[in-house]
Amino acid sequence: MKPHIIAIALLATAPLCHAGDSVVESTPITPAPESSEWQFLLATYAPLMGIEGTVGVAGLTSEIDVPFDDILEELDGGFMTAFEARRNRWSITGDFIWLKLSGDAQPTPNSYAGFKQEQIMASLALGYELYGSESTTFDLLGGAALTSLDADLELATPLLPVTTRAASGSDTWIDPFVGLRVRHRLSDRWAVFATGIYGGFGVSSDEYWQAIAGISYGLTENASIALAYRIISTDYNKGAFVYDVETSGPNLGLVFKF
């Protein structure tokens, strides 16, 4: 195992996803303005995000540099889903992620590090269609993202006077955000989509932003597969917790329309 994997002990690996930012973006649903019917999207997805930055808990701080193809080595369990409900120009988009990670490694020949980490992220966004046609929609987004993190870290360094250091802690915070979303249908089966959001504003995180862009292919009238690339940046520093991290990588998911 690579030494830098230890930093995952404190990761919010799955902020990988927030309301309005997941593969649920991939399927345009644009009812006519006079329609009073609700339309829904439900997505299941697998984020594979690389992580780079600084994470700390209870006085222990680590620099992180983990390529996205190493993340799943430390995954004990996870559940990820997203939805959208739309009526006329209004939409509600939500996202829920649960991840549990654990592992150990040797940062140096005479040291040991172990960790356990469990995280829940939930978010909700309200959208309003600024422009809509049969093939293209532009939505204004506003919402909030909740992060709940519980982490345990143990470091053993026999060559130092203090041979073992352990840190445990938990924290929960909410970041408000605003953003824009665009979807464009290329053909009956192909569509492209993009979203950019910005938030934090010092309410919890000093700064929070993310961007996603991708393409989808319709498998059936009510099901599609989507591939997107996402970048998420969070700068949170309160008390014993530090989370100044940028995550980026591909997301692959199935989207169902009903």
Protein backbone atom coordinates (compact mmCIF):
# COMPACT_ATOMS: atom_id res chain seq x y z
CA MET A 1 0.00 0.00 0.00
CA LYS A 2 1.32 3.45 -0.82
CA PRO A 3 2.14 5.62 2.21
CA HIS A 4 -0.02 8.49 1.08
CA ILE A 5 -3.15 6.34 1.41
CA ILE A 6 -3.02 6.99 5.19
CA ALA A 7 -4.46 10.43 4.65
CA ILE A 8 -7.77 8.83 3.69
CA ALA A 9 -8.40 8.38 7.42
CA LEU A 10 -9.73 11.91 7.51
CA LEU A 11 -11.15 12.20 4.04
CA ALA A 12 -14.48 13.38 2.95
CA THR A 13 -14.02 11.15 -0.05
CA ALA A 14 -17.45 11.49 -1.12
CA PRO A 15 -17.99 15.08 -1.04
CA LEU A 16 -17.51 13.79 -4.14
CA CYS A 17 -21.21 14.66 -4.63
CA HIS A 18 -23.75 17.34 -3.71
CA ALA A 19 -27.22 18.34 -4.76
CA GLY A 20 -27.33 19.38 -8.37
CA ASP A 21 -23.84 17.99 -9.02
CA SER A 22 -24.21 14.28 -9.73
CA VAL A 23 -24.94 12.16 -12.78
CA VAL A 24 -28.63 12.87 -12.22
CA GLU A 25 -27.79 16.01 -14.21
CA SER A 26 -27.49 14.02 -17.38
CA THR A 27 -31.09 13.62 -18.52
CA PRO A 28 -32.98 16.75 -19.59
CA ILE A 29 -36.57 16.75 -18.38
CA THR A 30 -38.33 19.86 -19.59
CA PRO A 31 -42.12 19.77 -19.37
CA ALA A 32 -44.01 22.42 -21.27
CA PRO A 33 -44.74 25.56 -19.25
CA GLU A 34 -48.46 24.72 -19.07
CA SER A 35 -47.85 21.17 -17.75
CA SER A 36 -48.83 20.49 -14.13
CA GLU A 37 -47.32 17.00 -13.94
CA TRP A 38 -44.23 16.13 -11.93
CA GLN A 39 -41.34 14.34 -13.60
CA PHE A 40 -38.63 12.47 -11.70
CA LEU A 41 -35.05 11.25 -12.14
CA LEU A 42 -33.31 8.70 -9.91
CA ALA A 43 -29.60 7.91 -10.26
CA THR A 44 -27.14 5.42 -8.81
CA TYR A 45 -23.49 6.22 -9.40
CA ALA A 46 -19.87 5.35 -8.62
CA PRO A 47 -17.52 8.31 -8.02
CA LEU A 48 -13.82 7.64 -8.59
CA MET A 49 -12.23 10.83 -7.32
CA GLY A 50 -8.59 11.66 -6.75
CA ILE A 51 -7.82 13.74 -3.64
CA GLU A 52 -5.18 16.37 -3.00
CA GLY A 53 -4.84 18.81 -0.09
CA THR A 54 -4.57 19.01 3.72
CA VAL A 55 -6.71 17.16 6.30
CA GLY A 56 -6.43 17.30 10.09
CA VAL A 57 -8.28 16.06 13.18
CA ALA A 58 -7.57 16.58 16.90
CA GLY A 59 -4.13 18.07 16.28
CA LEU A 60 -2.91 15.56 13.69
CA THR A 61 -2.57 16.95 10.16
CA SER A 62 -1.71 15.13 6.93
CA GLU A 63 -0.96 16.19 3.38
CA ILE A 64 -3.00 14.22 0.84
CA ASP A 65 -2.10 13.18 -2.69
CA VAL A 66 -4.17 10.14 -3.69
CA PRO A 67 -4.91 9.31 -7.35
CA PHE A 68 -8.53 8.36 -8.01
CA ASP A 69 -7.59 4.80 -8.97
CA ASP A 70 -6.33 4.12 -5.38
CA ILE A 71 -9.46 5.21 -3.47
CA LEU A 72 -11.43 1.96 -3.66
CA GLU A 73 -8.63 -0.02 -1.98
CA GLU A 74 -9.68 1.47 1.38
CA LEU A 75 -13.46 1.25 0.95
CA ASP A 76 -15.36 -0.94 3.47
CA GLY A 77 -18.82 0.07 2.33
CA GLY A 78 -20.79 2.79 0.65
CA PHE A 79 -24.14 3.88 -0.71
CA MET A 80 -24.69 6.70 -3.21
CA THR A 81 -27.86 7.97 -4.84
CA ALA A 82 -29.33 11.18 -6.28
CA PHE A 83 -32.75 12.34 -7.41
CA GLU A 84 -34.52 15.21 -9.15
CA ALA A 85 -38.19 16.19 -9.12
CA ARG A 86 -39.33 18.76 -11.69
CA ARG A 87 -42.59 20.60 -12.36
CA ASN A 88 -42.88 23.41 -14.89
CA ARG A 89 -39.86 25.67 -14.31
CA TRP A 90 -39.10 24.49 -10.77
CA SER A 91 -36.93 21.56 -9.71
CA ILE A 92 -35.70 19.97 -6.49
CA THR A 93 -32.43 18.03 -6.59
CA GLY A 94 -31.04 15.92 -3.76
CA ASP A 95 -28.05 13.70 -3.09
CA PHE A 96 -27.14 11.21 -0.34
CA ILE A 97 -23.77 9.51 0.21
CA TRP A 98 -22.54 7.15 2.94
CA LEU A 99 -18.92 5.93 2.97
CA LYS A 100 -16.95 3.82 5.42
CA LEU A 101 -13.15 3.49 5.09
CA SER A 102 -10.37 1.77 7.04
CA GLY A 103 -6.79 0.70 6.43
CA ASP A 104 -3.17 0.76 7.52
CA ALA A 105 0.27 1.40 6.02
CA GLN A 106 3.93 2.07 6.77
CA PRO A 107 4.83 5.68 5.92
CA THR A 108 8.47 4.83 6.79
CA PRO A 109 10.21 1.50 7.49
CA ASN A 110 9.91 2.04 11.26
CA SER A 111 6.44 3.46 11.51
CA TYR A 112 2.81 2.35 11.33
CA ALA A 113 -0.44 4.17 10.68
CA GLY A 114 -4.02 2.94 10.89
CA PHE A 115 -7.36 4.61 10.44
CA LYS A 116 -11.13 4.27 10.47
CA GLN A 117 -13.47 6.84 8.93
CA GLU A 118 -17.23 7.04 8.38
CA GLN A 119 -18.95 9.85 6.55
CA ILE A 120 -22.45 10.93 5.59
CA MET A 121 -23.14 13.68 3.09
CA ALA A 122 -26.60 14.94 2.18
CA SER A 123 -27.61 17.94 0.13
CA LEU A 124 -30.64 19.65 -1.34
CA ALA A 125 -31.00 22.30 -4.05
CA LEU A 126 -33.88 24.28 -5.48
CA GLY A 127 -33.68 25.09 -9.18
CA TYR A 128 -35.50 27.56 -11.43
CA GLU A 129 -35.42 27.33 -15.23
CA LEU A 130 -34.15 30.59 -16.70
CA TYR A 131 -34.42 29.33 -20.27
CA GLY A 132 -35.94 26.21 -21.79
CA SER A 133 -36.53 24.76 -25.25
CA GLU A 134 -37.10 21.26 -26.59
CA SER A 135 -33.36 20.58 -26.54
CA THR A 136 -31.76 23.01 -24.04
CA THR A 137 -32.37 24.19 -20.47
CA PHE A 138 -30.55 26.67 -18.21
CA ASP A 139 -31.33 26.46 -14.47
CA LEU A 140 -30.41 28.71 -11.55
CA LEU A 141 -29.59 26.68 -8.40
CA GLY A 142 -29.53 27.46 -4.70
CA GLY A 143 -29.14 25.05 -1.81
CA ALA A 144 -27.10 23.63 1.05
CA ALA A 145 -24.76 20.66 1.55
CA LEU A 146 -24.31 18.83 4.86
CA THR A 147 -21.16 16.89 5.78
CA SER A 148 -20.86 14.63 8.84
CA LEU A 149 -17.43 13.06 9.46
CA ASP A 150 -16.23 10.61 12.16
CA ALA A 151 -12.51 9.74 12.00
CA ASP A 152 -9.97 7.73 14.06
CA LEU A 153 -6.22 7.85 13.33
CA GLU A 154 -3.29 6.08 15.00
CA LEU A 155 0.39 6.75 14.27
CA ALA A 156 3.24 4.66 15.71
CA THR A 157 6.82 5.97 15.28
CA PRO A 158 9.26 3.82 17.33
CA LEU A 159 12.28 6.01 16.57
CA LEU A 160 10.74 9.07 18.23
CA PRO A 161 10.39 9.73 22.02
CA VAL A 162 6.60 9.55 21.64
CA THR A 163 6.03 6.18 20.02
CA THR A 164 2.27 6.26 19.55
CA ARG A 165 -0.15 9.07 18.78
CA ALA A 166 -3.89 8.60 18.36
CA ALA A 167 -6.60 11.06 17.40
CA SER A 168 -10.36 10.70 17.18
CA GLY A 169 -13.03 13.22 16.42
CA SER A 170 -16.23 14.06 14.61
CA ASP A 171 -17.72 17.17 13.09
CA THR A 172 -20.79 18.20 11.10
CA TRP A 173 -21.20 21.33 9.01
CA ILE A 174 -23.46 22.86 6.36
CA ASP A 175 -22.37 24.90 3.34
CA PRO A 176 -24.84 27.06 1.39
CA PHE A 177 -24.26 27.40 -2.35
CA VAL A 178 -25.58 28.95 -5.58
CA GLY A 179 -24.97 27.80 -9.13
CA LEU A 180 -25.95 27.35 -12.77
CA ARG A 181 -26.83 24.18 -14.69
CA VAL A 182 -27.14 23.59 -18.44
CA ARG A 183 -28.38 20.56 -20.35
CA HIS A 184 -28.45 20.11 -24.13
CA ARG A 185 -29.86 17.21 -26.09
CA LEU A 186 -27.71 16.37 -29.12
CA SER A 187 -30.03 13.69 -30.53
CA ASP A 188 -32.67 11.22 -29.42
CA ARG A 189 -30.08 9.29 -27.39
CA TRP A 190 -27.14 11.64 -26.73
CA ALA A 191 -27.06 14.63 -24.36
CA VAL A 192 -24.41 16.83 -22.73
CA PHE A 193 -24.62 18.61 -19.38
CA ALA A 194 -22.60 20.91 -17.12
CA THR A 195 -23.00 22.47 -13.65
CA GLY A 196 -20.98 25.02 -11.70
CA ILE A 197 -21.68 26.00 -8.08
CA TYR A 198 -20.00 28.24 -5.52
CA GLY A 199 -20.63 28.48 -1.78
CA GLY A 200 -19.37 28.34 1.76
CA PHE A 201 -19.18 32.12 2.14
CA GLY A 202 -17.61 31.67 5.60
CA VAL A 203 -20.81 30.23 7.06
CA SER A 204 -19.00 26.92 7.67
CA SER A 205 -16.36 26.44 4.98
CA ASP A 206 -14.37 29.49 3.97
CA GLU A 207 -14.88 28.45 0.36
CA TYR A 208 -16.72 25.65 -1.41
CA TRP A 209 -17.07 25.18 -5.16
CA GLN A 210 -17.44 22.48 -7.74
CA ALA A 211 -17.81 21.94 -11.48
CA ILE A 212 -19.04 18.97 -13.47
CA ALA A 213 -19.37 18.27 -17.18
CA GLY A 214 -20.33 15.11 -18.99
CA ILE A 215 -22.28 13.20 -21.61
CA SER A 216 -25.10 10.66 -21.45
CA TYR A 217 -26.50 7.97 -23.73
CA GLY A 218 -30.12 6.79 -23.64
CA LEU A 219 -30.38 3.03 -23.27
CA THR A 220 -34.18 3.06 -23.34
CA GLU A 221 -36.90 5.70 -23.21
CA ASN A 222 -36.60 5.83 -19.40
CA ALA A 223 -33.00 4.80 -18.68
CA SER A 224 -29.61 6.23 -19.61
CA ILE A 225 -25.94 5.84 -18.74
CA ALA A 226 -23.87 8.93 -17.95
CA LEU A 227 -20.14 9.66 -17.74
CA ALA A 228 -18.94 12.92 -16.21
CA TYR A 229 -15.79 14.56 -14.87
CA ARG A 230 -16.10 16.47 -11.59
CA ILE A 231 -13.90 18.79 -9.52
CA ILE A 232 -14.86 19.68 -5.92
CA SER A 233 -12.94 22.08 -3.70
CA THR A 234 -13.65 22.56 0.04
CA ASP A 235 -11.74 24.79 2.46
CA TYR A 236 -13.03 24.05 5.99
CA ASN A 237 -11.05 24.94 9.12
CA LYS A 238 -12.89 25.00 12.44
CA GLY A 239 -11.41 24.04 15.80
CA ALA A 240 -9.68 20.65 15.66
CA PHE A 241 -10.84 19.90 12.12
CA VAL A 242 -9.06 20.94 8.93
CA TYR A 243 -10.36 19.98 5.50
CA ASP A 244 -8.70 21.94 2.69
CA VAL A 245 -9.01 19.48 -0.18
CA GLU A 246 -9.65 19.33 -3.91
CA THR A 247 -11.18 16.16 -5.30
CA SER A 248 -11.45 15.35 -8.99
CA GLY A 249 -12.14 12.41 -11.23
CA PRO A 250 -14.74 10.54 -13.34
CA ASN A 251 -18.28 9.64 -12.26
CA LEU A 252 -20.20 6.80 -13.93
CA GLY A 253 -23.88 6.21 -13.27
CA LEU A 254 -27.27 4.93 -14.35
CA VAL A 255 -30.17 7.39 -14.54
CA PHE A 256 -33.82 6.35 -14.50
CA LYS A 257 -36.69 8.63 -15.59
CA PHE A 258 -40.29 8.19 -14.50
